[in-house]
C-alpha atoms as a PDB file:
ATOM      1  CA  MET A   1      12.431 -12.935 -50.436  1.00  0.00           C
ATOM      2  CA  ALA A   2      14.764 -11.324 -48.613  1.00  0.00           C
ATOM      3  CA  THR A   3      19.166 -11.869 -49.582  1.00  0.00           C
ATOM      4  CA  ASN A   4      21.495 -13.295 -47.743  1.00  0.00           C
ATOM      5  CA  GLY A   5      22.737  -9.900 -47.887  1.00  0.00           C
ATOM      6  CA  GLU A   6      19.497  -8.153 -46.392  1.00  0.00           C
ATOM      7  CA  GLU A   7      19.364 -10.450 -44.190  1.00  0.00           C
ATOM      8  CA  GLN A   8      21.802  -9.742 -42.633  1.00  0.00           C
ATOM      9  CA  GLN A   9      22.186  -6.297 -42.081  1.00  0.00           C
ATOM     10  CA  THR A  10      18.718  -6.517 -41.124  1.00  0.00           C
ATOM     11  CA  GLN A  11      20.609  -8.302 -38.513  1.00  0.00           C
ATOM     12  CA  ALA A  12      22.232  -6.097 -38.140  1.00  0.00           C
ATOM     13  CA  GLY A  13      20.368  -3.237 -37.570  1.00  0.00           C
ATOM     14  CA  ARG A  14      18.042  -5.458 -34.929  1.00  0.00           C
ATOM     15  CA  HIS A  15      21.186  -5.878 -33.331  1.00  0.00           C
ATOM     16  CA  GLN A  16      22.572  -2.717 -32.453  1.00  0.00           C
ATOM     17  CA  GLU A  17      19.263  -1.141 -31.327  1.00  0.00           C
ATOM     18  CA  VAL A  18      19.664  -4.265 -28.588  1.00  0.00           C
ATOM     19  CA  GLY A  19      23.212  -5.186 -28.403  1.00  0.00           C
ATOM     20  CA  HIS A  20      23.097  -3.655 -25.818  1.00  0.00           C
ATOM     21  CA  LYS A  21      20.443  -6.054 -23.890  1.00  0.00           C
ATOM     22  CA  SER A  22      20.852  -9.231 -26.446  1.00  0.00           C
ATOM     23  CA  LEU A  23      22.819 -10.792 -28.810  1.00  0.00           C
ATOM     24  CA  LEU A  24      20.365 -13.219 -29.633  1.00  0.00           C
ATOM     25  CA  GLN A  25      19.049 -13.439 -32.920  1.00  0.00           C
ATOM     26  CA  SER A  26      15.984 -13.802 -32.081  1.00  0.00           C
ATOM     27  CA  ASP A  27      13.594 -10.744 -29.906  1.00  0.00           C
ATOM     28  CA  ALA A  28      11.232 -12.882 -28.755  1.00  0.00           C
ATOM     29  CA  LEU A  29      13.491 -15.664 -27.332  1.00  0.00           C
ATOM     30  CA  TYR A  30      15.460 -13.034 -25.302  1.00  0.00           C
ATOM     31  CA  GLN A  31      11.657 -11.487 -24.337  1.00  0.00           C
ATOM     32  CA  TYR A  32      11.261 -15.320 -23.351  1.00  0.00           C
ATOM     33  CA  ILE A  33      13.870 -15.791 -21.242  1.00  0.00           C
ATOM     34  CA  LEU A  34      12.931 -12.470 -19.274  1.00  0.00           C
ATOM     35  CA  GLU A  35       9.701 -13.176 -19.173  1.00  0.00           C
ATOM     36  CA  THR A  36       9.847 -16.943 -17.680  1.00  0.00           C
ATOM     37  CA  SER A  37      13.468 -17.153 -16.254  1.00  0.00           C
ATOM     38  CA  VAL A  38      14.115 -13.005 -15.201  1.00  0.00           C
ATOM     39  CA  TYR A  39      11.200 -11.193 -13.799  1.00  0.00           C
ATOM     40  CA  PRO A  40       9.558 -13.684 -12.185  1.00  0.00           C
ATOM     41  CA  ARG A  41      12.907 -14.526 -10.063  1.00  0.00           C
ATOM     42  CA  GLU A  42      14.138 -10.541 -10.464  1.00  0.00           C
ATOM     43  CA  PRO A  43      14.299  -9.121  -6.883  1.00  0.00           C
ATOM     44  CA  GLU A  44      11.499  -6.122  -6.172  1.00  0.00           C
ATOM     45  CA  CYS A  45      13.505  -3.885  -5.308  1.00  0.00           C
ATOM     46  CA  MET A  46      15.800  -4.867  -8.915  1.00  0.00           C
ATOM     47  CA  LYS A  47      12.725  -4.071 -10.612  1.00  0.00           C
ATOM     48  CA  GLU A  48      12.325  -1.126  -9.284  1.00  0.00           C
ATOM     49  CA  LEU A  49      15.766   0.409 -10.279  1.00  0.00           C
ATOM     50  CA  ARG A  50      15.765  -0.965 -13.330  1.00  0.00           C
ATOM     51  CA  GLU A  51      12.528   0.472 -14.661  1.00  0.00           C
ATOM     52  CA  LEU A  52      13.467   4.041 -12.742  1.00  0.00           C
ATOM     53  CA  THR A  53      16.647   4.150 -15.526  1.00  0.00           C
ATOM     54  CA  ALA A  54      14.286   2.646 -18.526  1.00  0.00           C
ATOM     55  CA  LYS A  55      13.467   6.295 -17.866  1.00  0.00           C
ATOM     56  CA  HIS A  56      16.996   8.015 -18.043  1.00  0.00           C
ATOM     57  CA  PRO A  57      17.922   9.104 -21.575  1.00  0.00           C
ATOM     58  CA  TRP A  58      21.377   6.921 -20.749  1.00  0.00           C
ATOM     59  CA  ASN A  59      19.625   4.038 -20.713  1.00  0.00           C
ATOM     60  CA  ILE A  60      21.505   2.078 -23.039  1.00  0.00           C
ATOM     61  CA  MET A  61      24.150   1.965 -20.109  1.00  0.00           C
ATOM     62  CA  THR A  62      22.652  -0.094 -17.731  1.00  0.00           C
ATOM     63  CA  THR A  63      23.110  -3.391 -16.829  1.00  0.00           C
ATOM     64  CA  SER A  64      20.217  -5.999 -18.547  1.00  0.00           C
ATOM     65  CA  ALA A  65      17.954  -7.737 -15.794  1.00  0.00           C
ATOM     66  CA  ASP A  66      19.614 -11.558 -17.328  1.00  0.00           C
ATOM     67  CA  GLU A  67      22.838  -9.913 -17.036  1.00  0.00           C
ATOM     68  CA  GLY A  68      21.818  -9.036 -13.216  1.00  0.00           C
ATOM     69  CA  GLN A  69      20.944 -12.314 -12.700  1.00  0.00           C
ATOM     70  CA  PHE A  70      23.577 -14.132 -13.571  1.00  0.00           C
ATOM     71  CA  LEU A  71      26.220 -11.965 -11.288  1.00  0.00           C
ATOM     72  CA  ASN A  72      23.379 -12.688  -8.651  1.00  0.00           C
ATOM     73  CA  MET A  73      23.619 -17.000  -9.110  1.00  0.00           C
ATOM     74  CA  LEU A  74      27.364 -16.688 -10.265  1.00  0.00           C
ATOM     75  CA  LEU A  75      28.334 -14.119  -7.217  1.00  0.00           C
ATOM     76  CA  LYS A  76      26.880 -16.656  -4.597  1.00  0.00           C
ATOM     77  CA  LEU A  77      28.707 -19.592  -6.358  1.00  0.00           C
ATOM     78  CA  ILE A  78      31.640 -18.262  -5.708  1.00  0.00           C
ATOM     79  CA  ASN A  79      31.325 -17.154  -2.768  1.00  0.00           C
ATOM     80  CA  ALA A  80      31.837 -13.952  -3.006  1.00  0.00           C
ATOM     81  CA  LYS A  81      32.854 -11.305   0.173  1.00  0.00           C
ATOM     82  CA  ASN A  82      35.147  -8.327  -1.161  1.00  0.00           C
ATOM     83  CA  THR A  83      34.447  -6.843  -4.370  1.00  0.00           C
ATOM     84  CA  MET A  84      35.291  -4.535  -6.554  1.00  0.00           C
ATOM     85  CA  GLU A  85      32.740  -2.414  -9.828  1.00  0.00           C
ATOM     86  CA  ILE A  86      34.339   0.484 -12.452  1.00  0.00           C
ATOM     87  CA  GLY A  87      31.195   2.099 -14.070  1.00  0.00           C
ATOM     88  CA  VAL A  88      28.689   2.532 -11.735  1.00  0.00           C
ATOM     89  CA  TYR A  89      25.772   4.037 -13.783  1.00  0.00           C
ATOM     90  CA  THR A  90      22.619   3.651 -11.751  1.00  0.00           C
ATOM     91  CA  GLY A  91      23.676   0.664  -9.949  1.00  0.00           C
ATOM     92  CA  TYR A  92      21.465  -2.383 -11.364  1.00  0.00           C
ATOM     93  CA  SER A  93      24.595  -4.385 -11.587  1.00  0.00           C
ATOM     94  CA  LEU A  94      25.313  -2.610  -8.009  1.00  0.00           C
ATOM     95  CA  LEU A  95      21.998  -4.010  -6.618  1.00  0.00           C
ATOM     96  CA  ALA A  96      22.932  -7.079  -7.877  1.00  0.00           C
ATOM     97  CA  THR A  97      26.497  -7.879  -6.191  1.00  0.00           C
ATOM     98  CA  ALA A  98      25.326  -6.431  -2.711  1.00  0.00           C
ATOM     99  CA  LEU A  99      22.113  -8.337  -2.272  1.00  0.00           C
ATOM    100  CA  ALA A 100      24.343 -11.570  -2.759  1.00  0.00           C
ATOM    101  CA  ILE A 101      27.509 -10.676  -0.877  1.00  0.00           C
ATOM    102  CA  PRO A 102      27.041 -11.152   2.844  1.00  0.00           C
ATOM    103  CA  GLU A 103      25.895  -8.856   5.077  1.00  0.00           C
ATOM    104  CA  ASP A 104      29.653  -7.847   6.578  1.00  0.00           C
ATOM    105  CA  GLY A 105      31.338  -8.450   2.203  1.00  0.00           C
ATOM    106  CA  LYS A 106      32.011  -5.146   0.758  1.00  0.00           C
ATOM    107  CA  ILE A 107      32.677  -3.237  -2.735  1.00  0.00           C
ATOM    108  CA  LEU A 108      33.742  -0.440  -3.527  1.00  0.00           C
ATOM    109  CA  ALA A 109      31.834   0.917  -6.816  1.00  0.00           C
ATOM    110  CA  MET A 110      33.925   4.197  -8.906  1.00  0.00           C
ATOM    111  CA  ASP A 111      31.633   5.844 -11.203  1.00  0.00           C
ATOM    112  CA  ILE A 112      33.318   9.096 -12.890  1.00  0.00           C
ATOM    113  CA  ASN A 113      29.116  10.241 -12.379  1.00  0.00           C
ATOM    114  CA  ARG A 114      28.384  10.620  -8.584  1.00  0.00           C
ATOM    115  CA  GLU A 115      25.001  11.939 -10.387  1.00  0.00           C
ATOM    116  CA  ASN A 116      23.519   8.946 -11.746  1.00  0.00           C
ATOM    117  CA  TYR A 117      24.693   6.852  -8.670  1.00  0.00           C
ATOM    118  CA  GLU A 118      22.778   8.982  -6.515  1.00  0.00           C
ATOM    119  CA  LEU A 119      19.969   8.230  -8.818  1.00  0.00           C
ATOM    120  CA  GLY A 120      18.938   4.489  -8.079  1.00  0.00           C
ATOM    121  CA  LEU A 121      20.549   4.770  -5.004  1.00  0.00           C
ATOM    122  CA  PRO A 122      16.727   5.594  -2.332  1.00  0.00           C
ATOM    123  CA  VAL A 123      16.438   1.831  -4.037  1.00  0.00           C
ATOM    124  CA  ILE A 124      19.605   1.140  -2.492  1.00  0.00           C
ATOM    125  CA  GLN A 125      19.398   2.086   0.900  1.00  0.00           C
ATOM    126  CA  LYS A 126      15.354   0.726   1.033  1.00  0.00           C
ATOM    127  CA  ALA A 127      17.355  -2.132   0.132  1.00  0.00           C
ATOM    128  CA  GLY A 128      18.909  -2.350   3.049  1.00  0.00           C
ATOM    129  CA  VAL A 129      21.943  -3.178   1.171  1.00  0.00           C
ATOM    130  CA  ALA A 130      24.005   0.128   1.103  1.00  0.00           C
ATOM    131  CA  HIS A 131      26.197  -0.129   4.080  1.00  0.00           C
ATOM    132  CA  LYS A 132      27.882  -2.816   1.916  1.00  0.00           C
ATOM    133  CA  ILE A 133      28.830  -0.066  -0.766  1.00  0.00           C
ATOM    134  CA  GLU A 134      31.921   2.090  -0.576  1.00  0.00           C
ATOM    135  CA  PHE A 135      31.616   4.899  -4.027  1.00  0.00           C
ATOM    136  CA  LYS A 136      34.019   6.901  -5.039  1.00  0.00           C
ATOM    137  CA  GLU A 137      33.509   9.271  -7.759  1.00  0.00           C
ATOM    138  CA  GLY A 138      36.032  10.215 -10.302  1.00  0.00           C
ATOM    139  CA  PRO A 139      38.335   7.826 -12.705  1.00  0.00           C
ATOM    140  CA  ALA A 140      39.255   4.655 -11.540  1.00  0.00           C
ATOM    141  CA  LEU A 141      42.498   4.581 -12.768  1.00  0.00           C
ATOM    142  CA  PRO A 142      44.381   6.821  -9.787  1.00  0.00           C
ATOM    143  CA  VAL A 143      42.475   4.981  -7.101  1.00  0.00           C
ATOM    144  CA  LEU A 144      44.151   1.342  -8.673  1.00  0.00           C
ATOM    145  CA  ASP A 145      47.646   2.463  -9.151  1.00  0.00           C
ATOM    146  CA  GLN A 146      47.245   3.812  -4.787  1.00  0.00           C
ATOM    147  CA  MET A 147      46.712   0.843  -4.293  1.00  0.00           C
ATOM    148  CA  ILE A 148      49.050  -1.541  -5.664  1.00  0.00           C
ATOM    149  CA  GLU A 149      51.336   1.253  -4.905  1.00  0.00           C
ATOM    150  CA  ASP A 150      49.660   0.548  -1.220  1.00  0.00           C
ATOM    151  CA  GLY A 151      50.218  -3.315  -1.393  1.00  0.00           C
ATOM    152  CA  LYS A 152      48.043  -4.615   1.233  1.00  0.00           C
ATOM    153  CA  TYR A 153      45.598  -5.335  -1.507  1.00  0.00           C
ATOM    154  CA  HIS A 154      47.369  -7.445  -3.712  1.00  0.00           C
ATOM    155  CA  GLY A 155      45.679 -10.333  -4.133  1.00  0.00           C
ATOM    156  CA  THR A 156      42.305  -9.536  -1.896  1.00  0.00           C
ATOM    157  CA  TYR A 157      38.860  -9.516  -4.549  1.00  0.00           C
ATOM    158  CA  ASP A 158      36.660 -12.116  -4.715  1.00  0.00           C
ATOM    159  CA  PHE A 159      35.388 -10.611  -8.037  1.00  0.00           C
ATOM    160  CA  ILE A 160      35.297  -7.770 -10.012  1.00  0.00           C
ATOM    161  CA  PHE A 161      32.952  -6.308 -12.669  1.00  0.00           C
ATOM    162  CA  VAL A 162      33.810  -4.212 -15.743  1.00  0.00           C
ATOM    163  CA  ASP A 163      32.181  -1.854 -17.499  1.00  0.00           C
ATOM    164  CA  ALA A 164      33.322   1.722 -17.885  1.00  0.00           C
ATOM    165  CA  ASP A 165      35.400   2.960 -20.562  1.00  0.00           C
ATOM    166  CA  LYS A 166      36.137   0.194 -22.970  1.00  0.00           C
ATOM    167  CA  ASP A 167      39.228   2.582 -24.354  1.00  0.00           C
ATOM    168  CA  ASN A 168      41.019   1.889 -20.687  1.00  0.00           C
ATOM    169  CA  TYR A 169      39.622  -1.787 -20.566  1.00  0.00           C
ATOM    170  CA  ILE A 170      43.206  -3.153 -21.251  1.00  0.00           C
ATOM    171  CA  ASN A 171      44.749  -0.458 -18.653  1.00  0.00           C
ATOM    172  CA  TYR A 172      41.726  -1.430 -16.226  1.00  0.00           C
ATOM    173  CA  HIS A 173      43.671  -5.978 -16.737  1.00  0.00           C
ATOM    174  CA  LYS A 174      47.040  -4.476 -16.197  1.00  0.00           C
ATOM    175  CA  ARG A 175      46.206  -3.188 -12.997  1.00  0.00           C
ATOM    176  CA  LEU A 176      43.089  -5.838 -11.830  1.00  0.00           C
ATOM    177  CA  ILE A 177      45.025  -8.273 -12.179  1.00  0.00           C
ATOM    178  CA  GLU A 178      47.752  -7.943  -9.415  1.00  0.00           C
ATOM    179  CA  LEU A 179      44.784  -7.263  -6.531  1.00  0.00           C
ATOM    180  CA  VAL A 180      41.885 -10.042  -7.985  1.00  0.00           C
ATOM    181  CA  LYS A 181      42.973 -12.908  -5.374  1.00  0.00           C
ATOM    182  CA  VAL A 182      44.002 -15.913  -7.751  1.00  0.00           C
ATOM    183  CA  GLY A 183      41.007 -18.829  -8.103  1.00  0.00           C
ATOM    184  CA  GLY A 184      39.151 -14.946  -8.376  1.00  0.00           C
ATOM    185  CA  LEU A 185      37.211 -13.663 -11.052  1.00  0.00           C
ATOM    186  CA  ILE A 186      36.924 -10.242 -13.195  1.00  0.00           C
ATOM    187  CA  GLY A 187      33.979  -9.551 -15.312  1.00  0.00           C
ATOM    188  CA  TYR A 188      34.810  -7.104 -18.488  1.00  0.00           C
ATOM    189  CA  ASP A 189      31.295  -6.041 -19.737  1.00  0.00           C
ATOM    190  CA  ASN A 190      30.548  -5.218 -23.269  1.00  0.00           C
ATOM    191  CA  THR A 191      32.921  -8.140 -25.118  1.00  0.00           C
ATOM    192  CA  LEU A 192      31.163  -8.956 -27.698  1.00  0.00           C
ATOM    193  CA  TRP A 193      29.966  -4.756 -27.904  1.00  0.00           C
ATOM    194  CA  ASN A 194      26.616  -5.283 -30.039  1.00  0.00           C
ATOM    195  CA  GLY A 195      27.909  -7.614 -32.485  1.00  0.00           C
ATOM    196  CA  SER A 196      30.057  -5.203 -34.393  1.00  0.00           C
ATOM    197  CA  VAL A 197      33.396  -7.932 -33.365  1.00  0.00           C
ATOM    198  CA  VAL A 198      32.501  -9.535 -36.152  1.00  0.00           C
ATOM    199  CA  ALA A 199      31.017  -6.509 -38.105  1.00  0.00           C
ATOM    200  CA  PRO A 200      33.631  -5.809 -41.404  1.00  0.00           C
ATOM    201  CA  ALA A 201      35.845  -2.366 -40.491  1.00  0.00           C
ATOM    202  CA  ASP A 202      33.273  -0.565 -43.001  1.00  0.00           C
ATOM    203  CA  ALA A 203      29.978  -1.610 -42.032  1.00  0.00           C
ATOM    204  CA  PRO A 204      27.435   0.932 -40.587  1.00  0.00           C
ATOM    205  CA  MET A 205      27.595   1.741 -37.557  1.00  0.00           C
ATOM    206  CA  ARG A 206      26.670   3.619 -34.947  1.00  0.00           C
ATOM    207  CA  LYS A 207      29.062   7.122 -33.165  1.00  0.00           C
ATOM    208  CA  TYR A 208      29.940   5.274 -30.147  1.00  0.00           C
ATOM    209  CA  VAL A 209      30.066   1.443 -31.003  1.00  0.00           C
ATOM    210  CA  ARG A 210      32.802   2.129 -34.033  1.00  0.00           C
ATOM    211  CA  TYR A 211      34.730   4.281 -31.667  1.00  0.00           C
ATOM    212  CA  TYR A 212      35.592   1.616 -29.085  1.00  0.00           C
ATOM    213  CA  ARG A 213      34.772  -1.575 -31.566  1.00  0.00           C
ATOM    214  CA  ASP A 214      39.047  -1.565 -31.930  1.00  0.00           C
ATOM    215  CA  PHE A 215      39.087  -0.890 -27.870  1.00  0.00           C
ATOM    216  CA  VAL A 216      36.986  -4.010 -27.088  1.00  0.00           C
ATOM    217  CA  LEU A 217      39.610  -5.983 -30.137  1.00  0.00           C
ATOM    218  CA  GLU A 218      42.169  -5.337 -28.532  1.00  0.00           C
ATOM    219  CA  LEU A 219      41.167  -6.368 -25.504  1.00  0.00           C
ATOM    220  CA  ASN A 220      39.746 -10.024 -26.868  1.00  0.00           C
ATOM    221  CA  LYS A 221      43.051 -10.769 -27.934  1.00  0.00           C
ATOM    222  CA  ALA A 222      45.000  -9.464 -25.089  1.00  0.00           C
ATOM    223  CA  LEU A 223      42.948 -12.245 -22.747  1.00  0.00           C
ATOM    224  CA  ALA A 224      42.829 -14.468 -25.302  1.00  0.00           C
ATOM    225  CA  ALA A 225      47.056 -14.483 -25.036  1.00  0.00           C
ATOM    226  CA  ASP A 226      46.988 -13.383 -21.601  1.00  0.00           C
ATOM    227  CA  PRO A 227      48.312 -17.215 -19.199  1.00  0.00           C
ATOM    228  CA  ARG A 228      47.383 -15.697 -15.829  1.00  0.00           C
ATOM    229  CA  ILE A 229      44.084 -15.989 -16.553  1.00  0.00           C
ATOM    230  CA  GLU A 230      41.928 -18.651 -17.496  1.00  0.00           C
ATOM    231  CA  ILE A 231      38.534 -16.554 -19.725  1.00  0.00           C
ATOM    232  CA  CYS A 232      34.678 -17.911 -20.581  1.00  0.00           C
ATOM    233  CA  MET A 233      33.645 -15.498 -23.352  1.00  0.00           C
ATOM    234  CA  LEU A 234      29.591 -15.751 -23.032  1.00  0.00           C
ATOM    235  CA  PRO A 235      26.607 -14.596 -25.356  1.00  0.00           C
ATOM    236  CA  VAL A 236      24.885 -12.959 -21.979  1.00  0.00           C
ATOM    237  CA  GLY A 237      23.538  -9.057 -22.243  1.00  0.00           C
ATOM    238  CA  ASP A 238      26.167  -7.221 -24.405  1.00  0.00           C
ATOM    239  CA  GLY A 239      29.349 -10.222 -24.726  1.00  0.00           C
ATOM    240  CA  ILE A 240      30.541 -10.645 -20.611  1.00  0.00           C
ATOM    241  CA  THR A 241      33.868 -12.604 -20.517  1.00  0.00           C
ATOM    242  CA  LEU A 242      34.746 -13.833 -17.463  1.00  0.00           C
ATOM    243  CA  CYS A 243      38.514 -14.104 -16.187  1.00  0.00           C
ATOM    244  CA  ARG A 244      39.416 -16.557 -13.650  1.00  0.00           C
ATOM    245  CA  ARG A 245      43.258 -15.018 -11.641  1.00  0.00           C
ATOM    246  CA  ILE A 246      45.489 -18.893 -12.340  1.00  0.00           C
ATOM    247  CA  LYS A 247      48.477 -17.597 -11.462  1.00  0.00           C
END
């Protein structure tokens, strides 16, 4: 019989393997959610993009299917029209957004790798929503700085989704809080970071998990203390924190 320590280690190991998909303690329960609620309602184009992305060597970077479903419904609930996404990869969350917003809705999508985006682009085009997307290749921070300097973008975004370099999340937040409207939402992905946010500092972790862990912890503290927003941290995917700008 496993000791408490061994049990925790086994759980930690499992979570590191599937952490980008779910932090649920039971893999079977997560599978039940997918098979009962997510996959039967997943649009064919999103299924195609998900399966295409699964073959990519960096597939751990993709948004999980349950999180894609959540984002799609959330955007409809808040009637989002003008949105932004920082960190696109092959575009699964981007497609979920494009399907949710109205025909004349817009997404400013930024990523340092156009090649990955273009892998999913044919699926997005086939879905008939590519016209909603303005893709910019390169670092997002200079673009955000320019937008703030221009002045005309202040408080114009209904929803912003960030799933990019965790070491810049704080820097993104400093700028995005100016660009999202009062009552609008910013969603930060991976805020539970494979469960490592509660792991002891000396716990075994993959290199990339350990490297970004402190940045995620710093972000979580900063968001909790920011009086300009209301927050809600959800154990969907690898953890998503929603920030509603209130002033």
